[in-house]
Amino acid sequence: MRSLGFFGAFLGGALAGAVIGLLMAPEKGEDTRTKISDAVDDFMKKHNIKLSRKEMSDLVDDITEAAPEE
């Protein structure tokens, strides 16, 4: 994530917070995954952000590592 810089770190933190919040909600997994996907797509379109598949994969890995395990 180093190549994304400050904005990437901010984006990763915001996404991690949103994902953790959604995961704690008492909903079915399929509904939660759809909400996460829609929220990320909307955010990316709104801010005209285009990440490559590799950058997105790295971002997801970083968020997964930062999320607390139950």
PDB file of N, CA and C in Angstrom:
ATOM      1  N   MET A   1       0.819  -1.178   0.000  1.00  0.00           N
ATOM      2  CA  MET A   1       0.000   0.000   0.000  1.00  0.00           C
ATOM      3  C   MET A   1       0.870   1.250   0.000  1.00  0.00           C
ATOM      4  N   ARG A   2       2.129   1.112   0.129  1.00  0.00           N
ATOM      5  CA  ARG A   2       3.027   2.243   0.160  1.00  0.00           C
ATOM      6  C   ARG A   2       2.923   3.092  -1.099  1.00  0.00           C
ATOM      7  N   SER A   3       2.693   2.472  -2.231  1.00  0.00           N
ATOM      8  CA  SER A   3       2.623   3.213  -3.484  1.00  0.00           C
ATOM      9  C   SER A   3       1.392   4.107  -3.542  1.00  0.00           C
ATOM     10  N   LEU A   4       0.388   3.830  -2.741  1.00  0.00           N
ATOM     11  CA  LEU A   4      -0.820   4.649  -2.749  1.00  0.00           C
ATOM     12  C   LEU A   4      -0.673   5.886  -1.877  1.00  0.00           C
ATOM     13  N   GLY A   5       0.281   5.908  -0.976  1.00  0.00           N
ATOM     14  CA  GLY A   5       0.555   7.071  -0.156  1.00  0.00           C
ATOM     15  C   GLY A   5      -0.499   7.347   0.890  1.00  0.00           C
ATOM     16  N   PHE A   6      -0.548   8.620   1.273  1.00  0.00           N
ATOM     17  CA  PHE A   6      -1.449   9.053   2.338  1.00  0.00           C
ATOM     18  C   PHE A   6      -2.903   8.798   1.987  1.00  0.00           C
ATOM     19  N   PHE A   7      -3.288   9.117   0.767  1.00  0.00           N
ATOM     20  CA  PHE A   7      -4.675   8.935   0.364  1.00  0.00           C
ATOM     21  C   PHE A   7      -5.055   7.461   0.429  1.00  0.00           C
ATOM     22  N   GLY A   8      -4.172   6.598   0.015  1.00  0.00           N
ATOM     23  CA  GLY A   8      -4.429   5.163   0.072  1.00  0.00           C
ATOM     24  C   GLY A   8      -4.591   4.677   1.500  1.00  0.00           C
ATOM     25  N   ALA A   9      -3.768   5.212   2.398  1.00  0.00           N
ATOM     26  CA  ALA A   9      -3.884   4.837   3.809  1.00  0.00           C
ATOM     27  C   ALA A   9      -5.216   5.322   4.375  1.00  0.00           C
ATOM     28  N   PHE A  10      -5.595   6.546   4.020  1.00  0.00           N
ATOM     29  CA  PHE A  10      -6.878   7.082   4.471  1.00  0.00           C
ATOM     30  C   PHE A  10      -8.032   6.248   3.930  1.00  0.00           C
ATOM     31  N   LEU A  11      -7.962   5.941   2.644  1.00  0.00           N
ATOM     32  CA  LEU A  11      -8.999   5.129   2.007  1.00  0.00           C
ATOM     33  C   LEU A  11      -9.081   3.756   2.667  1.00  0.00           C
ATOM     34  N   GLY A  12      -7.933   3.153   2.908  1.00  0.00           N
ATOM     35  CA  GLY A  12      -7.907   1.843   3.557  1.00  0.00           C
ATOM     36  C   GLY A  12      -8.511   1.882   4.946  1.00  0.00           C
ATOM     37  N   GLY A  13      -8.189   2.912   5.715  1.00  0.00           N
ATOM     38  CA  GLY A  13      -8.748   3.050   7.053  1.00  0.00           C
ATOM     39  C   GLY A  13     -10.256   3.258   7.027  1.00  0.00           C
ATOM     40  N   ALA A  14     -10.703   4.089   6.093  1.00  0.00           N
ATOM     41  CA  ALA A  14     -12.144   4.337   5.973  1.00  0.00           C
ATOM     42  C   ALA A  14     -12.876   3.062   5.565  1.00  0.00           C
ATOM     43  N   LEU A  15     -12.316   2.352   4.623  1.00  0.00           N
ATOM     44  CA  LEU A  15     -12.942   1.101   4.181  1.00  0.00           C
ATOM     45  C   LEU A  15     -12.932   0.053   5.289  1.00  0.00           C
ATOM     46  N   ALA A  16     -11.829  -0.020   6.015  1.00  0.00           N
ATOM     47  CA  ALA A  16     -11.750  -0.989   7.116  1.00  0.00           C
ATOM     48  C   ALA A  16     -12.816  -0.688   8.168  1.00  0.00           C
ATOM     49  N   GLY A  17     -12.981   0.586   8.499  1.00  0.00           N
ATOM     50  CA  GLY A  17     -14.006   0.960   9.467  1.00  0.00           C
ATOM     51  C   GLY A  17     -15.398   0.621   8.981  1.00  0.00           C
ATOM     52  N   ALA A  18     -15.648   0.895   7.718  1.00  0.00           N
ATOM     53  CA  ALA A  18     -16.966   0.589   7.150  1.00  0.00           C
ATOM     54  C   ALA A  18     -17.212  -0.916   7.122  1.00  0.00           C
ATOM     55  N   VAL A  19     -16.206  -1.665   6.721  1.00  0.00           N
ATOM     56  CA  VAL A  19     -16.347  -3.124   6.645  1.00  0.00           C
ATOM     57  C   VAL A  19     -16.584  -3.714   8.030  1.00  0.00           C
ATOM     58  N   ILE A  20     -15.828  -3.277   9.004  1.00  0.00           N
ATOM     59  CA  ILE A  20     -15.994  -3.801  10.360  1.00  0.00           C
ATOM     60  C   ILE A  20     -17.386  -3.455  10.894  1.00  0.00           C
ATOM     61  N   GLY A  21     -17.831  -2.228  10.624  1.00  0.00           N
ATOM     62  CA  GLY A  21     -19.171  -1.832  11.049  1.00  0.00           C
ATOM     63  C   GLY A  21     -20.251  -2.684  10.417  1.00  0.00           C
ATOM     64  N   LEU A  22     -20.100  -2.954   9.130  1.00  0.00           N
ATOM     65  CA  LEU A  22     -21.090  -3.789   8.446  1.00  0.00           C
ATOM     66  C   LEU A  22     -21.033  -5.238   8.909  1.00  0.00           C
ATOM     67  N   LEU A  23     -19.842  -5.722   9.188  1.00  0.00           N
ATOM     68  CA  LEU A  23     -19.706  -7.109   9.618  1.00  0.00           C
ATOM     69  C   LEU A  23     -20.304  -7.340  11.004  1.00  0.00           C
ATOM     70  N   MET A  24     -20.353  -6.302  11.809  1.00  0.00           N
ATOM     71  CA  MET A  24     -20.928  -6.428  13.142  1.00  0.00           C
ATOM     72  C   MET A  24     -22.461  -6.334  13.113  1.00  0.00           C
ATOM     73  N   ALA A  25     -23.009  -5.911  12.012  1.00  0.00           N
ATOM     74  CA  ALA A  25     -24.467  -5.772  11.895  1.00  0.00           C
ATOM     75  C   ALA A  25     -25.105  -7.161  11.822  1.00  0.00           C
ATOM     76  N   PRO A  26     -26.269  -7.319  12.433  1.00  0.00           N
ATOM     77  CA  PRO A  26     -26.919  -8.637  12.441  1.00  0.00           C
ATOM     78  C   PRO A  26     -27.714  -8.896  11.154  1.00  0.00           C
ATOM     79  N   GLU A  27     -26.997  -9.129  10.064  1.00  0.00           N
ATOM     80  CA  GLU A  27     -27.638  -9.425   8.777  1.00  0.00           C
ATOM     81  C   GLU A  27     -27.025 -10.684   8.183  1.00  0.00           C
ATOM     82  N   LYS A  28     -27.688 -11.184   7.159  1.00  0.00           N
ATOM     83  CA  LYS A  28     -27.159 -12.340   6.450  1.00  0.00           C
ATOM     84  C   LYS A  28     -25.866 -11.946   5.743  1.00  0.00           C
ATOM     85  N   GLY A  29     -24.959 -12.893   5.608  1.00  0.00           N
ATOM     86  CA  GLY A  29     -23.674 -12.640   4.969  1.00  0.00           C
ATOM     87  C   GLY A  29     -23.798 -12.126   3.549  1.00  0.00           C
ATOM     88  N   GLU A  30     -24.724 -12.687   2.799  1.00  0.00           N
ATOM     89  CA  GLU A  30     -24.901 -12.268   1.408  1.00  0.00           C
ATOM     90  C   GLU A  30     -25.323 -10.796   1.341  1.00  0.00           C
ATOM     91  N   ASP A  31     -26.220 -10.380   2.222  1.00  0.00           N
ATOM     92  CA  ASP A  31     -26.660  -8.986   2.251  1.00  0.00           C
ATOM     93  C   ASP A  31     -25.505  -8.062   2.633  1.00  0.00           C
ATOM     94  N   THR A  32     -24.710  -8.483   3.590  1.00  0.00           N
ATOM     95  CA  THR A  32     -23.571  -7.686   4.035  1.00  0.00           C
ATOM     96  C   THR A  32     -22.553  -7.536   2.920  1.00  0.00           C
ATOM     97  N   ARG A  33     -22.234  -8.631   2.230  1.00  0.00           N
ATOM     98  CA  ARG A  33     -21.271  -8.561   1.131  1.00  0.00           C
ATOM     99  C   ARG A  33     -21.767  -7.645   0.026  1.00  0.00           C
ATOM    100  N   THR A  34     -23.045  -7.687  -0.263  1.00  0.00           N
ATOM    101  CA  THR A  34     -23.614  -6.814  -1.297  1.00  0.00           C
ATOM    102  C   THR A  34     -23.495  -5.358  -0.876  1.00  0.00           C
ATOM    103  N   LYS A  35     -23.779  -5.060   0.390  1.00  0.00           N
ATOM    104  CA  LYS A  35     -23.661  -3.689   0.885  1.00  0.00           C
ATOM    105  C   LYS A  35     -22.224  -3.190   0.793  1.00  0.00           C
ATOM    106  N   ILE A  36     -21.274  -4.033   1.179  1.00  0.00           N
ATOM    107  CA  ILE A  36     -19.863  -3.652   1.118  1.00  0.00           C
ATOM    108  C   ILE A  36     -19.463  -3.366  -0.318  1.00  0.00           C
ATOM    109  N   SER A  37     -19.811  -4.248  -1.206  1.00  0.00           N
ATOM    110  CA  SER A  37     -19.460  -4.088  -2.614  1.00  0.00           C
ATOM    111  C   SER A  37     -20.074  -2.818  -3.191  1.00  0.00           C
ATOM    112  N   ASP A  38     -21.343  -2.576  -2.898  1.00  0.00           N
ATOM    113  CA  ASP A  38     -22.020  -1.378  -3.404  1.00  0.00           C
ATOM    114  C   ASP A  38     -21.400  -0.107  -2.836  1.00  0.00           C
ATOM    115  N   ALA A  39     -21.075  -0.128  -1.545  1.00  0.00           N
ATOM    116  CA  ALA A  39     -20.481   1.048  -0.904  1.00  0.00           C
ATOM    117  C   ALA A  39     -19.118   1.367  -1.503  1.00  0.00           C
ATOM    118  N   VAL A  40     -18.303   0.352  -1.731  1.00  0.00           N
ATOM    119  CA  VAL A  40     -16.980   0.563  -2.321  1.00  0.00           C
ATOM    120  C   VAL A  40     -17.119   1.076  -3.754  1.00  0.00           C
ATOM    121  N   ASP A  41     -18.009   0.479  -4.536  1.00  0.00           N
ATOM    122  CA  ASP A  41     -18.219   0.931  -5.910  1.00  0.00           C
ATOM    123  C   ASP A  41     -18.682   2.382  -5.957  1.00  0.00           C
ATOM    124  N   ASP A  42     -19.629   2.740  -5.099  1.00  0.00           N
ATOM    125  CA  ASP A  42     -20.128   4.119  -5.058  1.00  0.00           C
ATOM    126  C   ASP A  42     -19.030   5.101  -4.680  1.00  0.00           C
ATOM    127  N   PHE A  43     -18.236   4.742  -3.660  1.00  0.00           N
ATOM    128  CA  PHE A  43     -17.149   5.607  -3.223  1.00  0.00           C
ATOM    129  C   PHE A  43     -16.128   5.806  -4.338  1.00  0.00           C
ATOM    130  N   MET A  44     -15.773   4.720  -4.995  1.00  0.00           N
ATOM    131  CA  MET A  44     -14.779   4.784  -6.072  1.00  0.00           C
ATOM    132  C   MET A  44     -15.279   5.657  -7.222  1.00  0.00           C
ATOM    133  N   LYS A  45     -16.539   5.511  -7.597  1.00  0.00           N
ATOM    134  CA  LYS A  45     -17.105   6.316  -8.686  1.00  0.00           C
ATOM    135  C   LYS A  45     -17.211   7.782  -8.284  1.00  0.00           C
ATOM    136  N   LYS A  46     -17.646   8.031  -7.058  1.00  0.00           N
ATOM    137  CA  LYS A  46     -17.837   9.401  -6.582  1.00  0.00           C
ATOM    138  C   LYS A  46     -16.528  10.179  -6.588  1.00  0.00           C
ATOM    139  N   HIS A  47     -15.438   9.514  -6.222  1.00  0.00           N
ATOM    140  CA  HIS A  47     -14.140  10.168  -6.126  1.00  0.00           C
ATOM    141  C   HIS A  47     -13.240   9.883  -7.329  1.00  0.00           C
ATOM    142  N   ASN A  48     -13.819   9.279  -8.350  1.00  0.00           N
ATOM    143  CA  ASN A  48     -13.093   8.978  -9.595  1.00  0.00           C
ATOM    144  C   ASN A  48     -11.760   8.271  -9.312  1.00  0.00           C
ATOM    145  N   ILE A  49     -11.828   7.222  -8.506  1.00  0.00           N
ATOM    146  CA  ILE A  49     -10.642   6.448  -8.141  1.00  0.00           C
ATOM    147  C   ILE A  49     -10.628   5.168  -8.957  1.00  0.00           C
ATOM    148  N   LYS A  50      -9.495   4.927  -9.572  1.00  0.00           N
ATOM    149  CA  LYS A  50      -9.338   3.702 -10.344  1.00  0.00           C
ATOM    150  C   LYS A  50      -8.110   2.966  -9.816  1.00  0.00           C
ATOM    151  N   LEU A  51      -8.339   1.792  -9.266  1.00  0.00           N
ATOM    152  CA  LEU A  51      -7.250   0.967  -8.768  1.00  0.00           C
ATOM    153  C   LEU A  51      -7.145  -0.280  -9.632  1.00  0.00           C
ATOM    154  N   SER A  52      -5.908  -0.697  -9.841  1.00  0.00           N
ATOM    155  CA  SER A  52      -5.704  -1.935 -10.588  1.00  0.00           C
ATOM    156  C   SER A  52      -6.115  -3.115  -9.715  1.00  0.00           C
ATOM    157  N   ARG A  53      -6.248  -4.262 -10.331  1.00  0.00           N
ATOM    158  CA  ARG A  53      -6.608  -5.466  -9.580  1.00  0.00           C
ATOM    159  C   ARG A  53      -5.560  -5.756  -8.502  1.00  0.00           C
ATOM    160  N   LYS A  54      -4.292  -5.545  -8.803  1.00  0.00           N
ATOM    161  CA  LYS A  54      -3.202  -5.782  -7.845  1.00  0.00           C
ATOM    162  C   LYS A  54      -3.302  -4.806  -6.674  1.00  0.00           C
ATOM    163  N   GLU A  55      -3.536  -3.520  -6.969  1.00  0.00           N
ATOM    164  CA  GLU A  55      -3.651  -2.533  -5.903  1.00  0.00           C
ATOM    165  C   GLU A  55      -4.857  -2.838  -5.004  1.00  0.00           C
ATOM    166  N   MET A  56      -5.953  -3.230  -5.608  1.00  0.00           N
ATOM    167  CA  MET A  56      -7.146  -3.562  -4.827  1.00  0.00           C
ATOM    168  C   MET A  56      -6.893  -4.798  -3.968  1.00  0.00           C
ATOM    169  N   SER A  57      -6.209  -5.779  -4.534  1.00  0.00           N
ATOM    170  CA  SER A  57      -5.888  -6.988  -3.780  1.00  0.00           C
ATOM    171  C   SER A  57      -4.991  -6.655  -2.583  1.00  0.00           C
ATOM    172  N   ASP A  58      -3.992  -5.792  -2.801  1.00  0.00           N
ATOM    173  CA  ASP A  58      -3.110  -5.375  -1.709  1.00  0.00           C
ATOM    174  C   ASP A  58      -3.888  -4.626  -0.628  1.00  0.00           C
ATOM    175  N   LEU A  59      -4.819  -3.775  -1.048  1.00  0.00           N
ATOM    176  CA  LEU A  59      -5.631  -3.022  -0.110  1.00  0.00           C
ATOM    177  C   LEU A  59      -6.501  -3.957   0.730  1.00  0.00           C
ATOM    178  N   VAL A  60      -7.108  -4.935   0.086  1.00  0.00           N
ATOM    179  CA  VAL A  60      -7.938  -5.910   0.805  1.00  0.00           C
ATOM    180  C   VAL A  60      -7.090  -6.700   1.794  1.00  0.00           C
ATOM    181  N   ASP A  61      -5.884  -7.091   1.380  1.00  0.00           N
ATOM    182  CA  ASP A  61      -4.982  -7.811   2.284  1.00  0.00           C
ATOM    183  C   ASP A  61      -4.632  -6.963   3.510  1.00  0.00           C
ATOM    184  N   ASP A  62      -4.342  -5.683   3.283  1.00  0.00           N
ATOM    185  CA  ASP A  62      -4.003  -4.790   4.395  1.00  0.00           C
ATOM    186  C   ASP A  62      -5.178  -4.633   5.349  1.00  0.00           C
ATOM    187  N   ILE A  63      -6.385  -4.500   4.811  1.00  0.00           N
ATOM    188  CA  ILE A  63      -7.566  -4.354   5.649  1.00  0.00           C
ATOM    189  C   ILE A  63      -7.812  -5.638   6.438  1.00  0.00           C
ATOM    190  N   THR A  64      -7.636  -6.772   5.790  1.00  0.00           N
ATOM    191  CA  THR A  64      -7.838  -8.058   6.462  1.00  0.00           C
ATOM    192  C   THR A  64      -6.865  -8.227   7.616  1.00  0.00           C
ATOM    193  N   GLU A  65      -5.616  -7.830   7.415  1.00  0.00           N
ATOM    194  CA  GLU A  65      -4.619  -7.943   8.477  1.00  0.00           C
ATOM    195  C   GLU A  65      -4.924  -6.995   9.634  1.00  0.00           C
ATOM    196  N   ALA A  66      -5.506  -5.829   9.327  1.00  0.00           N
ATOM    197  CA  ALA A  66      -5.779  -4.838  10.368  1.00  0.00           C
ATOM    198  C   ALA A  66      -7.039  -5.149  11.166  1.00  0.00           C
ATOM    199  N   ALA A  67      -7.944  -5.927  10.580  1.00  0.00           N
ATOM    200  CA  ALA A  67      -9.218  -6.230  11.246  1.00  0.00           C
ATOM    201  C   ALA A  67      -8.983  -7.169  12.418  1.00  0.00           C
ATOM    202  N   PRO A  68      -9.648  -6.907  13.536  1.00  0.00           N
ATOM    203  CA  PRO A  68      -9.493  -7.803  14.688  1.00  0.00           C
ATOM    204  C   PRO A  68     -10.152  -9.163  14.425  1.00  0.00           C
ATOM    205  N   GLU A  69      -9.502 -10.188  14.920  1.00  0.00           N
ATOM    206  CA  GLU A  69     -10.067 -11.534  14.766  1.00  0.00           C
ATOM    207  C   GLU A  69     -10.922 -11.856  15.969  1.00  0.00           C
ATOM    208  N   GLU A  70     -11.990 -12.589  15.729  1.00  0.00           N
ATOM    209  CA  GLU A  70     -12.904 -12.951  16.827  1.00  0.00           C
ATOM    210  C   GLU A  70     -12.553 -14.292  17.389  1.00  0.00           C
TER     211      GLU A  70
END
